[in-house]
Structures are given as structure tokens and as C-alpha cells.
């Protein structure tokens, strides 16, 4: 993964549960689950009740939950990781880098919703 990221907007929310860094987070401060809309991507881990910085737009690093092709539309999986979007999925952006396997850290162009 490239070390570059270009967040355009970052906000801080109170974590409503445990949050993993570089995973999708919902508007209510919970880790996003499969095919859910997301507010953005957490910059760091946070415990329930802690403040967590969320990148809401721009090019940001996210942990992959599967192999992802460069340029693919992406969505959240059950753990808040990035996976290829399905036709019925809530697309959260596009892969700026490819992932060869689950656990890879890649950059996406984030279009949170």
C-alpha cells in the first residue's frame, strides 16, 4: 500500500462500540456492517465512549475483507472492511489500489453516504 492519503474532510464522533481503525464507521459511531451506509473510515482504534477521528471524503486507507480490483466500486463487509460492491450494495467509493487478499490495507476514493 502506498503511504499517501488525502482526506478532504475529517470529523470526530463518539464511538458507540468498539471501533477498528481503517474500517468503515456509521453515522451513530458504530462499526459499519455488511452493505450498510457509512459516515466514513476510522483513523484509529477506539473503545466505546471514546472520540474517534473519521475521514468522510477523499482518498483514505481501509482494511480489505477480500481481493479487490483496481477501480472497483466498494462497500462494507460484516466487519466494516472494504470489499467489492455487489449490484444491490451500498457503494462507498472506488479502489485506488488493488487488494490481493483479506487484511491488505488499500486506498479508496471515499464517497461516504
N, C-alpha and C. Protein backbone atom coordinates (compact mmCIF):
# COMPACT_ATOMS: atom_id res chain seq x y z
N UNK A 1 0.84 -1.18 0.00
CA UNK A 1 0.00 0.00 0.00
C UNK A 1 0.88 1.24 0.00
N UNK A 2 0.43 2.19 -0.72
CA UNK A 2 1.10 3.48 -0.69
C UNK A 2 0.86 4.14 0.66
N UNK A 3 1.80 4.90 1.12
CA UNK A 3 1.65 5.60 2.40
C UNK A 3 0.85 6.89 2.25
N UNK A 4 0.49 7.25 1.05
CA UNK A 4 -0.22 8.50 0.82
C UNK A 4 -1.70 8.37 1.10
N UNK A 5 -2.26 9.39 1.72
CA UNK A 5 -3.70 9.51 1.83
C UNK A 5 -4.02 10.99 1.70
N UNK A 6 -5.22 11.27 1.23
CA UNK A 6 -5.63 12.65 1.00
C UNK A 6 -7.05 12.84 1.48
N UNK A 7 -7.27 12.80 2.80
CA UNK A 7 -8.63 13.06 3.27
C UNK A 7 -9.01 14.51 3.01
N UNK A 8 -10.23 14.71 2.56
CA UNK A 8 -10.72 16.06 2.28
C UNK A 8 -11.45 16.61 3.50
N UNK A 9 -12.12 15.72 4.21
CA UNK A 9 -12.88 16.14 5.38
C UNK A 9 -12.74 15.08 6.47
N UNK A 10 -12.48 15.53 7.68
CA UNK A 10 -12.38 14.64 8.83
C UNK A 10 -13.27 15.20 9.93
N UNK A 11 -14.00 14.30 10.59
CA UNK A 11 -14.88 14.68 11.69
C UNK A 11 -14.52 13.80 12.88
N UNK A 12 -14.99 14.16 14.04
CA UNK A 12 -14.80 13.34 15.23
C UNK A 12 -16.16 12.95 15.77
N UNK A 13 -16.33 11.66 16.07
CA UNK A 13 -17.58 11.17 16.64
C UNK A 13 -17.26 10.36 17.90
N UNK A 14 -18.27 10.16 18.73
CA UNK A 14 -18.13 9.33 19.92
C UNK A 14 -18.45 7.89 19.52
N UNK A 15 -17.52 6.99 19.76
CA UNK A 15 -17.72 5.58 19.41
C UNK A 15 -18.85 5.00 20.27
N UNK A 16 -19.83 4.38 19.62
CA UNK A 16 -20.93 3.76 20.37
C UNK A 16 -20.62 2.31 20.70
N UNK A 17 -19.50 1.81 20.21
CA UNK A 17 -19.00 0.47 20.49
C UNK A 17 -17.54 0.45 20.10
N UNK A 18 -16.91 -0.71 20.19
CA UNK A 18 -15.51 -0.83 19.78
C UNK A 18 -15.37 -0.54 18.29
N UNK A 19 -14.39 0.27 17.93
CA UNK A 19 -14.13 0.66 16.54
C UNK A 19 -12.71 0.22 16.19
N UNK A 20 -12.57 -0.38 15.02
CA UNK A 20 -11.25 -0.74 14.49
C UNK A 20 -10.80 0.35 13.53
N UNK A 21 -9.57 0.78 13.66
CA UNK A 21 -9.01 1.75 12.74
C UNK A 21 -8.97 1.20 11.33
N UNK A 22 -9.10 2.09 10.35
CA UNK A 22 -9.11 1.76 8.92
C UNK A 22 -10.27 0.82 8.56
N UNK A 23 -11.40 0.97 9.26
CA UNK A 23 -12.65 0.26 8.98
C UNK A 23 -13.76 1.30 8.86
N UNK A 24 -14.83 0.96 8.14
CA UNK A 24 -15.98 1.86 7.98
C UNK A 24 -16.74 2.04 9.29
N UNK A 25 -17.23 3.28 9.50
CA UNK A 25 -18.00 3.64 10.69
C UNK A 25 -19.28 4.32 10.25
N UNK A 26 -20.38 4.00 10.93
CA UNK A 26 -21.68 4.60 10.62
C UNK A 26 -21.83 5.96 11.31
N UNK A 27 -22.89 6.66 10.94
CA UNK A 27 -23.16 7.98 11.49
C UNK A 27 -23.33 7.97 13.01
N UNK A 28 -23.82 6.86 13.56
CA UNK A 28 -24.06 6.77 15.01
C UNK A 28 -22.83 6.36 15.80
N UNK A 29 -21.68 6.26 15.16
CA UNK A 29 -20.44 5.92 15.85
C UNK A 29 -20.20 4.43 16.00
N UNK A 30 -21.03 3.60 15.35
CA UNK A 30 -20.85 2.15 15.40
C UNK A 30 -20.06 1.68 14.19
N UNK A 31 -19.38 0.55 14.35
CA UNK A 31 -18.68 -0.06 13.22
C UNK A 31 -19.72 -0.44 12.17
N UNK A 32 -19.49 -0.11 10.91
CA UNK A 32 -20.43 -0.46 9.84
C UNK A 32 -20.42 -1.97 9.63
N UNK A 33 -21.57 -2.49 9.22
CA UNK A 33 -21.71 -3.92 8.94
C UNK A 33 -21.95 -4.11 7.44
N UNK A 34 -22.22 -5.35 7.05
CA UNK A 34 -22.38 -5.69 5.65
C UNK A 34 -23.39 -4.81 4.93
N UNK A 35 -22.94 -4.20 3.85
CA UNK A 35 -23.79 -3.43 2.94
C UNK A 35 -24.50 -2.26 3.61
N UNK A 36 -23.93 -1.70 4.67
CA UNK A 36 -24.54 -0.54 5.34
C UNK A 36 -23.92 0.75 4.84
N UNK A 37 -24.72 1.82 4.89
CA UNK A 37 -24.19 3.14 4.62
C UNK A 37 -23.17 3.47 5.70
N UNK A 38 -22.18 4.26 5.36
CA UNK A 38 -21.14 4.62 6.33
C UNK A 38 -20.91 6.12 6.30
N UNK A 39 -20.54 6.66 7.46
CA UNK A 39 -20.18 8.07 7.58
C UNK A 39 -18.76 8.28 7.06
N UNK A 40 -17.91 7.29 7.28
CA UNK A 40 -16.53 7.40 6.83
C UNK A 40 -15.69 6.26 7.34
N UNK A 41 -14.38 6.50 7.41
CA UNK A 41 -13.39 5.49 7.82
C UNK A 41 -12.65 5.98 9.06
N UNK A 42 -12.58 5.12 10.08
CA UNK A 42 -11.89 5.49 11.32
C UNK A 42 -10.39 5.57 11.09
N UNK A 43 -9.78 6.60 11.63
CA UNK A 43 -8.32 6.76 11.53
C UNK A 43 -7.58 5.88 12.53
N UNK A 44 -8.25 5.49 13.62
CA UNK A 44 -7.57 4.73 14.68
C UNK A 44 -8.60 3.90 15.43
N UNK A 45 -8.11 2.95 16.23
CA UNK A 45 -8.99 2.15 17.09
C UNK A 45 -9.58 3.04 18.18
N UNK A 46 -10.77 2.68 18.64
CA UNK A 46 -11.39 3.40 19.75
C UNK A 46 -12.32 2.46 20.51
N UNK A 47 -12.37 2.63 21.82
CA UNK A 47 -13.30 1.87 22.66
C UNK A 47 -14.60 2.65 22.75
N UNK A 48 -15.67 1.98 23.16
CA UNK A 48 -16.97 2.64 23.34
C UNK A 48 -16.81 3.86 24.23
N UNK A 49 -17.40 4.96 23.80
CA UNK A 49 -17.35 6.21 24.57
C UNK A 49 -16.19 7.11 24.23
N UNK A 50 -15.18 6.60 23.54
CA UNK A 50 -14.02 7.41 23.16
C UNK A 50 -14.30 8.19 21.88
N UNK A 51 -13.60 9.30 21.72
CA UNK A 51 -13.67 10.06 20.48
C UNK A 51 -12.83 9.36 19.42
N UNK A 52 -13.34 9.33 18.19
CA UNK A 52 -12.61 8.71 17.09
C UNK A 52 -12.68 9.63 15.87
N UNK A 53 -11.53 9.85 15.24
CA UNK A 53 -11.47 10.68 14.02
C UNK A 53 -11.94 9.83 12.84
N UNK A 54 -12.85 10.40 12.06
CA UNK A 54 -13.45 9.73 10.90
C UNK A 54 -13.17 10.55 9.65
N UNK A 55 -12.48 9.95 8.67
CA UNK A 55 -12.33 10.59 7.36
C UNK A 55 -13.62 10.34 6.59
N UNK A 56 -14.27 11.41 6.14
CA UNK A 56 -15.57 11.27 5.48
C UNK A 56 -15.51 11.41 3.96
N UNK A 57 -14.46 12.01 3.42
CA UNK A 57 -14.30 12.17 1.98
C UNK A 57 -12.82 12.22 1.64
N UNK A 58 -12.49 11.80 0.44
CA UNK A 58 -11.12 11.86 -0.02
C UNK A 58 -10.55 10.48 -0.28
N UNK A 59 -9.23 10.41 -0.40
CA UNK A 59 -8.51 9.15 -0.63
C UNK A 59 -7.95 8.72 0.72
N UNK A 60 -8.45 7.57 1.21
CA UNK A 60 -8.12 7.13 2.57
C UNK A 60 -7.78 5.64 2.60
N UNK A 61 -6.96 5.21 3.58
CA UNK A 61 -6.65 3.79 3.71
C UNK A 61 -7.76 3.03 4.44
N UNK A 62 -8.05 1.83 3.95
CA UNK A 62 -9.09 0.97 4.53
C UNK A 62 -8.58 -0.48 4.48
N UNK A 63 -8.93 -1.26 5.48
CA UNK A 63 -8.57 -2.67 5.52
C UNK A 63 -9.49 -3.48 4.61
N UNK A 64 -8.92 -4.27 3.73
CA UNK A 64 -9.70 -5.10 2.80
C UNK A 64 -10.22 -6.35 3.50
N UNK A 65 -11.43 -6.76 3.08
CA UNK A 65 -12.02 -8.00 3.57
C UNK A 65 -12.00 -9.09 2.52
N UNK A 66 -11.46 -8.77 1.34
CA UNK A 66 -11.40 -9.70 0.21
C UNK A 66 -10.47 -9.11 -0.83
N UNK A 67 -10.19 -9.89 -1.88
CA UNK A 67 -9.44 -9.35 -3.02
C UNK A 67 -10.31 -8.30 -3.71
N UNK A 68 -9.68 -7.21 -4.15
CA UNK A 68 -10.40 -6.11 -4.80
C UNK A 68 -9.58 -5.64 -5.99
N UNK A 69 -10.24 -5.48 -7.13
CA UNK A 69 -9.56 -4.98 -8.33
C UNK A 69 -9.42 -3.47 -8.28
N UNK A 70 -8.35 -2.97 -8.86
CA UNK A 70 -8.14 -1.54 -9.01
C UNK A 70 -9.35 -0.93 -9.72
N UNK A 71 -9.90 0.13 -9.18
CA UNK A 71 -11.03 0.83 -9.80
C UNK A 71 -12.39 0.26 -9.48
N UNK A 72 -12.45 -0.84 -8.73
CA UNK A 72 -13.74 -1.46 -8.41
C UNK A 72 -14.54 -0.60 -7.44
N UNK A 73 -15.86 -0.60 -7.62
CA UNK A 73 -16.74 0.01 -6.64
C UNK A 73 -16.68 -0.85 -5.38
N UNK A 74 -16.74 -0.22 -4.21
CA UNK A 74 -16.57 -0.95 -2.96
C UNK A 74 -17.69 -0.66 -1.97
N UNK A 75 -17.85 -1.60 -1.02
CA UNK A 75 -18.83 -1.46 0.04
C UNK A 75 -18.23 -2.05 1.32
N UNK A 76 -19.00 -2.01 2.40
CA UNK A 76 -18.57 -2.56 3.67
C UNK A 76 -18.96 -4.03 3.78
N UNK A 77 -18.10 -4.82 4.47
CA UNK A 77 -18.48 -6.20 4.80
C UNK A 77 -19.00 -6.24 6.23
N UNK A 78 -19.25 -7.42 6.77
CA UNK A 78 -19.84 -7.58 8.09
C UNK A 78 -18.96 -7.01 9.22
N UNK A 79 -17.67 -6.84 8.95
CA UNK A 79 -16.74 -6.32 9.97
C UNK A 79 -16.32 -4.87 9.72
N UNK A 80 -16.91 -4.23 8.71
CA UNK A 80 -16.55 -2.85 8.40
C UNK A 80 -15.34 -2.72 7.50
N UNK A 81 -14.89 -3.86 6.93
CA UNK A 81 -13.76 -3.82 5.98
C UNK A 81 -14.30 -3.53 4.58
N UNK A 82 -13.42 -3.17 3.67
CA UNK A 82 -13.81 -2.86 2.30
C UNK A 82 -13.80 -4.13 1.45
N UNK A 83 -14.87 -4.31 0.66
CA UNK A 83 -14.99 -5.44 -0.27
C UNK A 83 -15.60 -4.92 -1.57
N UNK A 84 -15.51 -5.71 -2.66
CA UNK A 84 -16.14 -5.27 -3.91
C UNK A 84 -17.65 -5.11 -3.71
N UNK A 85 -18.21 -4.06 -4.29
CA UNK A 85 -19.65 -3.81 -4.18
C UNK A 85 -20.42 -4.79 -5.04
N UNK A 86 -21.57 -5.18 -4.54
CA UNK A 86 -22.49 -6.01 -5.31
C UNK A 86 -23.48 -5.09 -6.01
N UNK A 87 -24.26 -5.63 -6.94
CA UNK A 87 -25.25 -4.80 -7.65
C UNK A 87 -26.23 -4.15 -6.68
N UNK A 88 -26.58 -4.85 -5.60
CA UNK A 88 -27.52 -4.32 -4.62
C UNK A 88 -26.81 -3.61 -3.47
N UNK A 89 -25.50 -3.54 -3.53
CA UNK A 89 -24.71 -2.98 -2.43
C UNK A 89 -24.77 -1.47 -2.34
N UNK A 90 -24.42 -0.95 -1.17
CA UNK A 90 -24.30 0.48 -0.94
C UNK A 90 -22.86 0.86 -1.26
N UNK A 91 -22.62 1.38 -2.45
CA UNK A 91 -21.26 1.73 -2.87
C UNK A 91 -20.73 2.90 -2.05
N UNK A 92 -19.56 2.72 -1.46
CA UNK A 92 -18.96 3.73 -0.60
C UNK A 92 -17.74 4.40 -1.24
N UNK A 93 -17.40 3.99 -2.45
CA UNK A 93 -16.28 4.58 -3.14
C UNK A 93 -15.70 3.64 -4.18
N UNK A 94 -14.45 3.93 -4.60
CA UNK A 94 -13.75 3.12 -5.59
C UNK A 94 -12.33 2.85 -5.12
N UNK A 95 -11.84 1.66 -5.44
CA UNK A 95 -10.48 1.27 -5.05
C UNK A 95 -9.46 2.05 -5.88
N UNK A 96 -8.55 2.72 -5.20
CA UNK A 96 -7.44 3.43 -5.84
C UNK A 96 -6.24 2.49 -5.97
N UNK A 97 -6.26 1.42 -5.16
CA UNK A 97 -5.25 0.37 -5.21
C UNK A 97 -5.96 -0.97 -5.16
N UNK A 98 -5.33 -1.99 -5.69
CA UNK A 98 -5.89 -3.34 -5.64
C UNK A 98 -5.52 -4.02 -4.33
N UNK A 99 -6.38 -4.92 -3.87
CA UNK A 99 -6.08 -5.78 -2.72
C UNK A 99 -5.97 -7.20 -3.22
N UNK A 100 -4.92 -7.90 -2.83
CA UNK A 100 -4.77 -9.29 -3.27
C UNK A 100 -5.45 -10.26 -2.31
N UNK A 101 -5.70 -9.81 -1.07
CA UNK A 101 -6.30 -10.71 -0.08
C UNK A 101 -6.90 -9.91 1.08
N UNK A 102 -7.72 -10.59 1.85
CA UNK A 102 -8.26 -10.01 3.08
C UNK A 102 -7.12 -9.59 3.99
N UNK A 103 -7.26 -8.45 4.62
CA UNK A 103 -6.22 -7.94 5.52
C UNK A 103 -5.30 -6.93 4.89
N UNK A 104 -5.28 -6.87 3.54
CA UNK A 104 -4.47 -5.85 2.87
C UNK A 104 -5.00 -4.46 3.23
N UNK A 105 -4.12 -3.50 3.35
CA UNK A 105 -4.51 -2.11 3.57
C UNK A 105 -4.38 -1.40 2.23
N UNK A 106 -5.50 -0.91 1.71
CA UNK A 106 -5.50 -0.24 0.41
C UNK A 106 -6.13 1.14 0.54
N UNK A 107 -5.90 1.96 -0.47
CA UNK A 107 -6.54 3.28 -0.51
C UNK A 107 -7.78 3.21 -1.38
N UNK A 108 -8.81 3.91 -0.92
CA UNK A 108 -10.03 4.06 -1.73
C UNK A 108 -10.35 5.54 -1.86
N UNK A 109 -11.05 5.89 -2.93
CA UNK A 109 -11.61 7.23 -3.04
C UNK A 109 -12.97 7.13 -2.39
N UNK A 110 -13.11 7.70 -1.20
CA UNK A 110 -14.27 7.55 -0.34
C UNK A 110 -15.38 8.52 -0.70
N UNK A 111 -16.55 7.98 -0.91
CA UNK A 111 -17.76 8.78 -1.12
C UNK A 111 -18.77 8.33 -0.07
N UNK A 112 -18.52 8.69 1.18
CA UNK A 112 -19.39 8.24 2.28
C UNK A 112 -20.81 8.74 2.05
N UNK A 113 -21.76 7.99 2.64
CA UNK A 113 -23.15 8.39 2.46
C UNK A 113 -23.95 8.22 3.72
